[in-house]
Structure formats: C-alpha cells, structure tokens
Amino acid sequence: MTKDYCEVTVIHHDQIKETEGKMISNEQATELAYFFKVFSDPTRVKILYALSLQEMCVCDISYLLNTSQSAISHQLKMLRQARVVKSRRDGKIIYYSLDDDHIQRVFNQGLEHINEK
C-alpha cells in the first residue's frame, strides 16, 4: 500500500505566500474549534434548535427534551460560556435564547447542509 505524499517540499510558492498571509492565528483556530465543539452534542443541538424557534426557560426545555433540568442546565452553561446562548431574568425565571443572528445563521446552514440529498 502506498502513501499519498508530496515528493517536494513546496510546489506553488505563490499560493503558499498568498495563503500564509491570510491564515488565522493559533488562538483564533482554538476558539473556532471550541465554537464548533458546542454543536457536537445531540442534546445541545436540540436545545439550540428549540431556542432558534423561541426563547425558553430550563423547565420548558427539560420537558420538551424529556431530560432532567440538571442536565439541561449543564448544557446551557457550556452554551453560555461559548457565547452561543444568552439569558435574561424575568422575576424568578431565567429565559434563554440564541446569542445573536450569527448563531442562527450557522445553525441554519448546518441544518441545510445535512438535509441536502
């Protein structure tokens, strides 16, 4: 079995130079990887889908997904830390929603991509 590899170090110097100047930093790559990691859990994806439709409290999300409030709270904490969801308090109830339109667009594009046949 042969391996695919280049026999030379660099073939297209102009492409390397152009791309090299546009590369994201290691810090940006790490943050972006963390951002996409939040979409890697089915429960978090379901929470995000529900919140893409309307803001909801932990109790309602828990009921909707048939998952404990503790588990939902844990997932929401990760989503908040990743700045994917935000919260607002109304009396004793905390409501969650998607952080901004960017999150809605990323989510919708991912959903559109997997639904392509």
N, C-alpha and C. Protein backbone atom coordinates (compact mmCIF):
# COMPACT_ATOMS: atom_id res chain seq x y z
N MET A 1 0.85 -1.17 0.00
CA MET A 1 0.00 0.00 0.00
C MET A 1 0.90 1.24 0.00
N THR A 2 0.62 2.17 -0.90
CA THR A 2 1.44 3.38 -0.98
C THR A 2 0.73 4.52 -0.28
N LYS A 3 1.56 5.40 0.28
CA LYS A 3 1.01 6.58 0.94
C LYS A 3 0.99 7.74 -0.04
N ASP A 4 -0.05 8.60 0.11
CA ASP A 4 -0.11 9.83 -0.66
C ASP A 4 0.74 10.88 0.04
N TYR A 5 1.76 11.36 -0.60
CA TYR A 5 2.55 12.45 -0.05
C TYR A 5 3.28 13.15 -1.17
N CYS A 6 3.63 14.37 -0.93
CA CYS A 6 4.38 15.15 -1.91
C CYS A 6 5.85 14.76 -1.84
N GLU A 7 6.47 14.64 -2.98
CA GLU A 7 7.89 14.33 -3.02
C GLU A 7 8.74 15.59 -2.94
N VAL A 8 8.10 16.74 -3.04
CA VAL A 8 8.82 18.01 -2.92
C VAL A 8 8.23 18.78 -1.76
N THR A 9 9.00 19.74 -1.24
CA THR A 9 8.55 20.50 -0.09
C THR A 9 7.47 21.51 -0.46
N VAL A 10 7.72 22.32 -1.49
CA VAL A 10 6.76 23.33 -1.92
C VAL A 10 6.71 23.34 -3.45
N ILE A 11 5.49 23.31 -3.98
CA ILE A 11 5.32 23.34 -5.42
C ILE A 11 4.88 24.72 -5.88
N HIS A 12 3.91 25.28 -5.21
CA HIS A 12 3.28 26.54 -5.63
C HIS A 12 3.63 27.64 -4.63
N HIS A 13 4.80 28.22 -4.79
CA HIS A 13 5.28 29.26 -3.87
C HIS A 13 4.31 30.43 -3.78
N ASP A 14 3.74 30.85 -4.92
CA ASP A 14 2.82 31.99 -4.91
C ASP A 14 1.57 31.71 -4.09
N GLN A 15 1.03 30.50 -4.19
CA GLN A 15 -0.16 30.14 -3.41
C GLN A 15 0.17 30.07 -1.93
N ILE A 16 1.32 29.53 -1.60
CA ILE A 16 1.74 29.46 -0.20
C ILE A 16 1.87 30.86 0.37
N LYS A 17 2.53 31.74 -0.34
CA LYS A 17 2.76 33.10 0.15
C LYS A 17 1.43 33.84 0.34
N GLU A 18 0.52 33.70 -0.63
CA GLU A 18 -0.79 34.37 -0.53
C GLU A 18 -1.60 33.84 0.65
N THR A 19 -1.65 32.53 0.82
CA THR A 19 -2.42 31.91 1.88
C THR A 19 -1.80 32.15 3.24
N GLU A 20 -0.48 32.11 3.30
CA GLU A 20 0.23 32.30 4.56
C GLU A 20 -0.11 33.64 5.20
N GLY A 21 -0.27 34.66 4.39
CA GLY A 21 -0.61 35.99 4.90
C GLY A 21 -2.04 36.12 5.38
N LYS A 22 -2.88 35.15 5.04
CA LYS A 22 -4.30 35.20 5.41
C LYS A 22 -4.68 34.19 6.49
N MET A 23 -3.73 33.38 6.93
CA MET A 23 -4.03 32.33 7.91
C MET A 23 -4.48 32.93 9.24
N ILE A 24 -5.40 32.22 9.87
CA ILE A 24 -5.86 32.64 11.19
C ILE A 24 -4.79 32.27 12.22
N SER A 25 -4.83 32.96 13.33
CA SER A 25 -3.85 32.70 14.40
C SER A 25 -4.19 31.40 15.11
N ASN A 26 -3.24 30.88 15.87
CA ASN A 26 -3.49 29.69 16.67
C ASN A 26 -4.61 29.93 17.66
N GLU A 27 -4.64 31.13 18.25
CA GLU A 27 -5.70 31.47 19.20
C GLU A 27 -7.07 31.46 18.52
N GLN A 28 -7.16 32.04 17.33
CA GLN A 28 -8.43 32.04 16.60
C GLN A 28 -8.84 30.61 16.24
N ALA A 29 -7.88 29.79 15.83
CA ALA A 29 -8.19 28.41 15.47
C ALA A 29 -8.72 27.65 16.68
N THR A 30 -8.12 27.88 17.83
CA THR A 30 -8.57 27.22 19.06
C THR A 30 -9.98 27.67 19.43
N GLU A 31 -10.23 28.97 19.37
CA GLU A 31 -11.57 29.49 19.69
C GLU A 31 -12.62 28.98 18.72
N LEU A 32 -12.28 28.92 17.44
CA LEU A 32 -13.23 28.43 16.44
C LEU A 32 -13.51 26.95 16.64
N ALA A 33 -12.48 26.18 16.96
CA ALA A 33 -12.68 24.76 17.23
C ALA A 33 -13.61 24.56 18.42
N TYR A 34 -13.42 25.37 19.47
CA TYR A 34 -14.30 25.30 20.65
C TYR A 34 -15.73 25.67 20.27
N PHE A 35 -15.86 26.72 19.44
CA PHE A 35 -17.19 27.14 18.98
C PHE A 35 -17.91 25.98 18.29
N PHE A 36 -17.23 25.31 17.38
CA PHE A 36 -17.88 24.21 16.66
C PHE A 36 -18.08 22.99 17.55
N LYS A 37 -17.27 22.85 18.59
CA LYS A 37 -17.43 21.73 19.52
C LYS A 37 -18.80 21.76 20.19
N VAL A 38 -19.34 22.95 20.43
CA VAL A 38 -20.64 23.02 21.10
C VAL A 38 -21.75 22.39 20.25
N PHE A 39 -21.51 22.26 18.96
CA PHE A 39 -22.51 21.65 18.07
C PHE A 39 -22.33 20.13 17.98
N SER A 40 -21.41 19.56 18.76
CA SER A 40 -21.09 18.14 18.64
C SER A 40 -21.92 17.24 19.54
N ASP A 41 -22.80 17.80 20.33
CA ASP A 41 -23.62 17.00 21.25
C ASP A 41 -25.08 17.08 20.84
N PRO A 42 -25.76 15.94 20.63
CA PRO A 42 -27.16 15.96 20.18
C PRO A 42 -28.10 16.73 21.12
N THR A 43 -27.88 16.65 22.43
CA THR A 43 -28.73 17.39 23.35
C THR A 43 -28.55 18.90 23.16
N ARG A 44 -27.30 19.34 23.03
CA ARG A 44 -27.07 20.77 22.80
C ARG A 44 -27.68 21.21 21.48
N VAL A 45 -27.59 20.37 20.46
CA VAL A 45 -28.18 20.71 19.15
C VAL A 45 -29.69 20.86 19.28
N LYS A 46 -30.33 19.97 20.04
CA LYS A 46 -31.78 20.07 20.23
C LYS A 46 -32.13 21.33 21.02
N ILE A 47 -31.33 21.65 22.02
CA ILE A 47 -31.56 22.89 22.77
C ILE A 47 -31.46 24.09 21.83
N LEU A 48 -30.42 24.11 21.01
CA LEU A 48 -30.23 25.22 20.08
C LEU A 48 -31.38 25.31 19.09
N TYR A 49 -31.85 24.16 18.63
CA TYR A 49 -32.98 24.19 17.69
C TYR A 49 -34.22 24.78 18.36
N ALA A 50 -34.49 24.33 19.57
CA ALA A 50 -35.66 24.86 20.30
C ALA A 50 -35.50 26.37 20.49
N LEU A 51 -34.30 26.81 20.86
CA LEU A 51 -34.09 28.24 21.09
C LEU A 51 -34.06 29.04 19.79
N SER A 52 -33.86 28.36 18.67
CA SER A 52 -33.94 29.06 17.38
C SER A 52 -35.38 29.39 17.04
N LEU A 53 -36.31 28.69 17.69
CA LEU A 53 -37.73 28.93 17.45
C LEU A 53 -38.30 29.97 18.40
N GLN A 54 -37.83 29.94 19.67
CA GLN A 54 -38.30 30.91 20.66
C GLN A 54 -37.47 30.80 21.92
N GLU A 55 -37.47 31.85 22.73
CA GLU A 55 -36.75 31.77 24.00
C GLU A 55 -37.52 30.86 24.93
N MET A 56 -36.78 30.19 25.80
CA MET A 56 -37.40 29.22 26.70
C MET A 56 -36.65 29.19 28.03
N CYS A 57 -37.33 28.72 29.06
CA CYS A 57 -36.69 28.54 30.37
C CYS A 57 -36.23 27.08 30.50
N VAL A 58 -35.40 26.83 31.50
CA VAL A 58 -34.85 25.48 31.72
C VAL A 58 -35.96 24.45 31.87
N CYS A 59 -37.00 24.80 32.64
CA CYS A 59 -38.10 23.85 32.88
C CYS A 59 -38.76 23.42 31.58
N ASP A 60 -39.01 24.38 30.71
CA ASP A 60 -39.68 24.07 29.44
C ASP A 60 -38.78 23.26 28.52
N ILE A 61 -37.49 23.61 28.47
CA ILE A 61 -36.55 22.85 27.64
C ILE A 61 -36.45 21.43 28.18
N SER A 62 -36.39 21.29 29.49
CA SER A 62 -36.31 19.99 30.12
C SER A 62 -37.51 19.12 29.75
N TYR A 63 -38.70 19.70 29.82
CA TYR A 63 -39.91 18.98 29.47
C TYR A 63 -39.91 18.61 27.99
N LEU A 64 -39.57 19.57 27.15
CA LEU A 64 -39.57 19.36 25.70
C LEU A 64 -38.64 18.23 25.29
N LEU A 65 -37.46 18.16 25.90
CA LEU A 65 -36.46 17.17 25.51
C LEU A 65 -36.50 15.91 26.38
N ASN A 66 -37.42 15.90 27.36
CA ASN A 66 -37.54 14.76 28.27
C ASN A 66 -36.18 14.44 28.91
N THR A 67 -35.57 15.50 29.42
CA THR A 67 -34.24 15.41 30.04
C THR A 67 -34.29 16.17 31.36
N SER A 68 -33.50 15.75 32.31
CA SER A 68 -33.54 16.40 33.62
C SER A 68 -33.13 17.87 33.53
N GLN A 69 -33.67 18.66 34.44
CA GLN A 69 -33.32 20.08 34.49
C GLN A 69 -31.83 20.25 34.76
N SER A 70 -31.27 19.38 35.55
CA SER A 70 -29.84 19.43 35.86
C SER A 70 -29.01 19.26 34.59
N ALA A 71 -29.39 18.29 33.77
CA ALA A 71 -28.66 18.04 32.52
C ALA A 71 -28.80 19.22 31.55
N ILE A 72 -30.00 19.78 31.50
CA ILE A 72 -30.22 20.93 30.61
C ILE A 72 -29.41 22.13 31.11
N SER A 73 -29.41 22.36 32.40
CA SER A 73 -28.63 23.46 32.98
C SER A 73 -27.15 23.31 32.67
N HIS A 74 -26.66 22.09 32.77
CA HIS A 74 -25.25 21.82 32.48
C HIS A 74 -24.93 22.16 31.02
N GLN A 75 -25.80 21.76 30.11
CA GLN A 75 -25.58 22.05 28.69
C GLN A 75 -25.69 23.55 28.41
N LEU A 76 -26.64 24.20 29.05
CA LEU A 76 -26.79 25.65 28.85
C LEU A 76 -25.57 26.41 29.37
N LYS A 77 -24.97 25.91 30.43
CA LYS A 77 -23.76 26.55 30.95
C LYS A 77 -22.66 26.53 29.90
N MET A 78 -22.48 25.39 29.26
CA MET A 78 -21.46 25.29 28.20
C MET A 78 -21.80 26.21 27.03
N LEU A 79 -23.07 26.25 26.67
CA LEU A 79 -23.51 27.10 25.56
C LEU A 79 -23.33 28.58 25.89
N ARG A 80 -23.56 28.95 27.14
CA ARG A 80 -23.33 30.34 27.57
C ARG A 80 -21.85 30.68 27.53
N GLN A 81 -21.02 29.78 28.03
CA GLN A 81 -19.58 30.01 28.05
C GLN A 81 -19.02 30.17 26.64
N ALA A 82 -19.64 29.49 25.69
CA ALA A 82 -19.21 29.60 24.29
C ALA A 82 -19.86 30.79 23.58
N ARG A 83 -20.66 31.56 24.33
CA ARG A 83 -21.37 32.73 23.80
C ARG A 83 -22.31 32.36 22.65
N VAL A 84 -22.93 31.18 22.79
CA VAL A 84 -23.89 30.72 21.79
C VAL A 84 -25.31 31.03 22.23
N VAL A 85 -25.55 31.01 23.54
CA VAL A 85 -26.85 31.41 24.08
C VAL A 85 -26.65 32.52 25.11
N LYS A 86 -27.72 33.26 25.33
CA LYS A 86 -27.72 34.30 26.35
C LYS A 86 -28.94 34.10 27.22
N SER A 87 -28.96 34.76 28.35
CA SER A 87 -30.09 34.62 29.27
C SER A 87 -30.59 35.98 29.71
N ARG A 88 -31.84 35.98 30.13
CA ARG A 88 -32.43 37.17 30.73
C ARG A 88 -33.34 36.71 31.85
N ARG A 89 -33.36 37.48 32.92
CA ARG A 89 -34.18 37.14 34.08
C ARG A 89 -35.48 37.93 34.03
N ASP A 90 -36.57 37.21 34.34
CA ASP A 90 -37.88 37.85 34.50
C ASP A 90 -38.44 37.32 35.82
N GLY A 91 -38.23 38.10 36.88
CA GLY A 91 -38.62 37.63 38.22
C GLY A 91 -37.73 36.48 38.63
N LYS A 92 -38.34 35.33 38.93
CA LYS A 92 -37.58 34.15 39.35
C LYS A 92 -37.19 33.26 38.17
N ILE A 93 -37.69 33.57 36.99
CA ILE A 93 -37.46 32.70 35.83
C ILE A 93 -36.37 33.29 34.93
N ILE A 94 -35.47 32.41 34.50
CA ILE A 94 -34.42 32.80 33.56
C ILE A 94 -34.77 32.22 32.19
N TYR A 95 -34.84 33.09 31.20
CA TYR A 95 -35.14 32.68 29.84
C TYR A 95 -33.87 32.67 29.02
N TYR A 96 -33.76 31.68 28.13
CA TYR A 96 -32.59 31.54 27.27
C TYR A 96 -33.00 31.74 25.82
N SER A 97 -32.07 32.30 25.06
CA SER A 97 -32.27 32.48 23.62
C SER A 97 -30.90 32.40 22.94
N LEU A 98 -30.92 32.30 21.63
CA LEU A 98 -29.65 32.30 20.90
C LEU A 98 -28.99 33.66 21.09
N ASP A 99 -27.69 33.67 21.15
CA ASP A 99 -26.94 34.88 21.47
C ASP A 99 -27.13 35.98 20.42
N ASP A 100 -27.10 35.62 19.14
CA ASP A 100 -27.28 36.63 18.09
C ASP A 100 -27.62 35.96 16.77
N ASP A 101 -27.77 36.78 15.74
CA ASP A 101 -28.14 36.27 14.41
C ASP A 101 -27.07 35.38 13.81
N HIS A 102 -25.81 35.58 14.20
CA HIS A 102 -24.74 34.73 13.67
C HIS A 102 -25.00 33.27 14.04
N ILE A 103 -25.40 33.04 15.26
CA ILE A 103 -25.64 31.68 15.74
C ILE A 103 -26.80 31.07 14.95
N GLN A 104 -27.84 31.85 14.74
CA GLN A 104 -28.99 31.37 13.96
C GLN A 104 -28.55 30.98 12.56
N ARG A 105 -27.73 31.80 11.93
CA ARG A 105 -27.28 31.52 10.56
C ARG A 105 -26.38 30.27 10.51
N VAL A 106 -25.45 30.16 11.45
CA VAL A 106 -24.57 28.97 11.48
C VAL A 106 -25.40 27.72 11.66
N PHE A 107 -26.35 27.77 12.59
CA PHE A 107 -27.20 26.61 12.85
C PHE A 107 -28.02 26.26 11.61
N ASN A 108 -28.66 27.25 11.02
CA ASN A 108 -29.49 27.01 9.84
C ASN A 108 -28.68 26.47 8.67
N GLN A 109 -27.47 26.99 8.48
CA GLN A 109 -26.63 26.49 7.38
C GLN A 109 -26.21 25.05 7.62
N GLY A 110 -25.90 24.71 8.86
CA GLY A 110 -25.57 23.33 9.19
C GLY A 110 -26.74 22.41 8.92
N LEU A 111 -27.92 22.83 9.33
CA LEU A 111 -29.13 22.03 9.12
C LEU A 111 -29.41 21.89 7.63
N GLU A 112 -29.26 22.96 6.89
CA GLU A 112 -29.46 22.92 5.44
C GLU A 112 -28.46 21.96 4.80
N HIS A 113 -27.23 21.99 5.25
CA HIS A 113 -26.19 21.13 4.69
C HIS A 113 -26.51 19.66 4.89
N ILE A 114 -26.93 19.28 6.10
CA ILE A 114 -27.19 17.86 6.34
C ILE A 114 -28.47 17.38 5.65
N ASN A 115 -29.35 18.31 5.31
CA ASN A 115 -30.60 17.94 4.64
C ASN A 115 -30.47 17.88 3.12
N GLU A 116 -29.29 18.25 2.60
CA GLU A 116 -29.06 18.14 1.15
C GLU A 116 -28.99 16.68 0.76
N LYS A 117 -29.61 16.39 -0.30
CA LYS A 117 -29.57 14.99 -0.79
C LYS A 117 -29.05 14.97 -2.20
